Amino acid sequence: MDATKTTRIETYISQLDRIINGGDWIDESFSGKLNQVNRQKAFKQLIPDKHSIAEILWHCLYWRTVLIKRIQGDKLYKQITMATENWITLNALEYKGWDTLKEEFLDSQKELIELLSTKSDDFLDEEYEEGYTYDYFLEGIVHHDVYHLGQIGLLISFLEKQNELI
């Protein structure tokens, strides 16, 4: 076996790192986008009853937490928390605070990378529930994060345009 060959786990770790810190082909990252967002922008709902940047970031954090808990062996976390934690109220997020929310999101990255760093590629083929492997879950988290990163980018653009018009 070629010692320089990148494992699938290493590929996921690299993708997760680039989503947060940049360096991938889309040239966007959560760090780059979130550094453009202050408290006022984070909690602003441009359209009533549509998600703010803070709500989207929480939603990404929630699904990362579901994955982390599942890797740690907690098979009930999603079932117990989905209805109340997947999307929480804007008031609850404002109470938590923008800086705390960003910190928790970045902490989830560290925890996820640490967990994955202890795993081999065989882990990716394990089913976390019947018919669904960790490979499927990780690929989904990567896609989910990129999708919502795009939404955050659009919201930032709209908020900046709104400020120009005022």
Protein backbone atom coordinates (compact mmCIF):
# COMPACT_ATOMS: atom_id res chain seq x y z
CA MET A 1 0.00 0.00 0.00
CA ASP A 2 1.26 3.48 -0.88
CA ALA A 3 2.03 5.38 2.35
CA THR A 4 1.36 8.70 0.61
CA LYS A 5 -2.18 7.73 -0.39
CA THR A 6 -4.80 9.81 1.35
CA THR A 7 -7.36 7.81 3.28
CA ARG A 8 -11.07 8.53 3.01
CA ILE A 9 -11.10 9.74 6.62
CA GLU A 10 -8.27 12.14 5.83
CA THR A 11 -10.23 13.38 2.82
CA TYR A 12 -13.26 14.14 4.99
CA ILE A 13 -11.10 15.88 7.58
CA SER A 14 -9.56 17.98 4.83
CA GLN A 15 -12.96 18.88 3.38
CA LEU A 16 -14.30 19.86 6.80
CA ASP A 17 -11.21 21.97 7.42
CA ARG A 18 -11.56 23.79 4.10
CA ILE A 19 -15.25 24.48 4.72
CA ILE A 20 -14.32 26.24 7.95
CA ASN A 21 -10.94 27.77 7.09
CA GLY A 22 -10.95 28.11 3.31
CA GLY A 23 -8.66 26.81 0.63
CA ASP A 24 -11.11 24.89 -1.50
CA TRP A 25 -12.14 25.66 -5.05
CA ILE A 26 -15.20 27.73 -4.06
CA ASP A 27 -12.85 30.10 -2.20
CA GLU A 28 -15.41 30.61 0.57
CA SER A 29 -15.40 29.49 4.19
CA PHE A 30 -17.41 29.80 7.36
CA SER A 31 -14.56 31.72 9.00
CA GLY A 32 -14.43 34.18 6.14
CA LYS A 33 -18.19 34.67 6.05
CA LEU A 34 -18.73 34.80 9.81
CA ASN A 35 -16.00 37.43 10.16
CA GLN A 36 -18.22 39.69 8.03
CA VAL A 37 -21.16 39.30 10.40
CA ASN A 38 -21.79 41.35 13.52
CA ARG A 39 -24.51 40.76 16.08
CA GLN A 40 -27.00 42.98 14.27
CA LYS A 41 -26.55 41.17 10.96
CA ALA A 42 -26.53 37.73 12.59
CA PHE A 43 -30.04 37.99 14.03
CA LYS A 44 -31.69 40.00 11.25
CA GLN A 45 -34.52 38.23 9.45
CA LEU A 46 -34.72 39.86 6.03
CA ILE A 47 -38.10 38.24 5.41
CA PRO A 48 -40.44 37.60 8.34
CA ASP A 49 -40.44 33.95 9.43
CA LYS A 50 -37.39 33.12 7.27
CA HIS A 51 -34.12 32.13 8.83
CA SER A 52 -31.41 34.54 9.91
CA ILE A 53 -27.67 33.86 9.68
CA ALA A 54 -27.66 32.89 13.37
CA GLU A 55 -30.50 30.41 12.86
CA ILE A 56 -28.73 28.80 9.90
CA LEU A 57 -25.47 28.56 11.83
CA TRP A 58 -27.29 26.93 14.75
CA HIS A 59 -28.91 24.45 12.35
CA CYS A 60 -25.45 23.48 11.01
CA LEU A 61 -24.17 23.16 14.57
CA TYR A 62 -27.13 20.95 15.48
CA TRP A 63 -26.45 18.46 12.66
CA ARG A 64 -22.74 18.39 13.46
CA THR A 65 -23.73 17.62 17.06
CA VAL A 66 -26.00 14.81 15.87
CA LEU A 67 -23.01 13.29 14.04
CA ILE A 68 -20.67 13.77 16.99
CA LYS A 69 -23.15 12.16 19.40
CA ARG A 70 -23.70 9.26 17.01
CA ILE A 71 -19.95 8.65 16.68
CA GLN A 72 -19.73 8.72 20.49
CA GLY A 73 -22.39 6.00 20.66
CA ASP A 74 -25.47 8.09 21.53
CA LYS A 75 -28.11 6.57 19.28
CA LEU A 76 -31.02 8.53 20.78
CA TYR A 77 -29.77 12.14 20.64
CA LYS A 78 -31.34 12.92 17.28
CA GLN A 79 -34.62 11.26 18.17
CA ILE A 80 -34.83 13.11 21.50
CA THR A 81 -33.75 16.54 20.24
CA MET A 82 -34.89 16.86 16.62
CA ALA A 83 -38.23 18.55 17.29
CA THR A 84 -36.84 21.11 19.74
CA GLU A 85 -33.20 21.63 18.74
CA ASN A 86 -32.93 21.39 14.95
CA TRP A 87 -34.21 24.96 14.63
CA ILE A 88 -34.46 26.99 17.82
CA THR A 89 -36.10 30.36 18.21
CA LEU A 90 -34.38 33.56 17.32
CA ASN A 91 -34.97 34.76 20.89
CA ALA A 92 -33.15 31.73 22.29
CA LEU A 93 -30.24 32.37 19.94
CA GLU A 94 -30.11 36.07 20.83
CA TYR A 95 -30.02 35.07 24.51
CA LYS A 96 -27.15 32.68 23.76
CA GLY A 97 -25.31 35.47 21.94
CA TRP A 98 -23.60 35.69 18.58
CA ASP A 99 -20.06 35.22 19.92
CA THR A 100 -21.09 32.13 21.90
CA LEU A 101 -22.88 30.65 18.90
CA LYS A 102 -19.82 31.12 16.67
CA GLU A 103 -17.58 29.64 19.36
CA GLU A 104 -19.83 26.58 19.76
CA PHE A 105 -19.85 26.06 15.99
CA LEU A 106 -16.05 26.23 15.80
CA ASP A 107 -15.77 23.96 18.85
CA SER A 108 -17.94 21.40 17.04
CA GLN A 109 -15.37 21.46 14.25
CA LYS A 110 -12.53 20.70 16.66
CA GLU A 111 -14.48 17.91 18.33
CA LEU A 112 -15.50 16.34 15.03
CA ILE A 113 -11.95 16.45 13.66
CA GLU A 114 -10.59 14.93 16.88
CA LEU A 115 -13.13 12.09 16.72
CA LEU A 116 -12.48 11.39 13.05
CA SER A 117 -8.72 11.45 13.61
CA THR A 118 -9.10 8.35 15.79
CA LYS A 119 -10.97 6.41 13.10
CA SER A 120 -9.89 4.30 10.16
CA ASP A 121 -11.61 4.02 6.81
CA ASP A 122 -13.34 0.86 8.06
CA PHE A 123 -15.37 3.10 10.35
CA LEU A 124 -16.88 4.82 7.31
CA ASP A 125 -18.41 1.54 6.18
CA GLU A 126 -20.11 0.95 9.55
CA GLU A 127 -23.85 1.56 9.66
CA TYR A 128 -25.04 4.10 12.23
CA GLU A 129 -28.56 2.90 11.50
CA GLU A 130 -29.80 0.23 9.16
CA GLY A 131 -28.92 1.09 5.58
CA TYR A 132 -26.91 4.24 6.41
CA THR A 133 -23.14 4.34 6.82
CA TYR A 134 -20.93 6.92 8.46
CA ASP A 135 -19.55 7.61 4.99
CA TYR A 136 -23.06 8.66 3.94
CA PHE A 137 -23.47 10.82 7.08
CA LEU A 138 -20.11 12.57 6.65
CA GLU A 139 -20.70 13.23 2.98
CA GLY A 140 -24.09 14.66 3.95
CA ILE A 141 -22.56 16.95 6.59
CA VAL A 142 -20.06 18.29 4.05
CA HIS A 143 -22.82 18.96 1.50
CA HIS A 144 -25.12 20.39 4.17
CA ASP A 145 -22.44 22.80 5.40
CA VAL A 146 -21.60 23.99 1.88
CA TYR A 147 -25.29 24.49 1.06
CA HIS A 148 -25.86 26.59 4.17
CA LEU A 149 -22.58 28.46 3.69
CA GLY A 150 -24.04 29.61 0.37
CA GLN A 151 -27.23 30.75 2.10
CA ILE A 152 -25.19 32.70 4.64
CA GLY A 153 -23.26 34.31 1.79
CA LEU A 154 -26.48 35.39 0.11
CA LEU A 155 -27.87 36.80 3.34
CA ILE A 156 -24.66 38.78 3.90
CA SER A 157 -24.92 40.20 0.37
CA PHE A 158 -28.56 41.15 0.90
CA LEU A 159 -27.80 42.74 4.26
CA GLU A 160 -24.94 44.76 2.78
CA LYS A 161 -27.15 45.91 -0.11
CA GLN A 162 -29.89 46.86 2.36
CA ASN A 163 -27.39 48.99 4.29
CA GLU A 164 -26.37 50.74 1.08
CA LEU A 165 -29.98 51.68 0.40
CA ILE A 166 -30.53 53.23 3.84
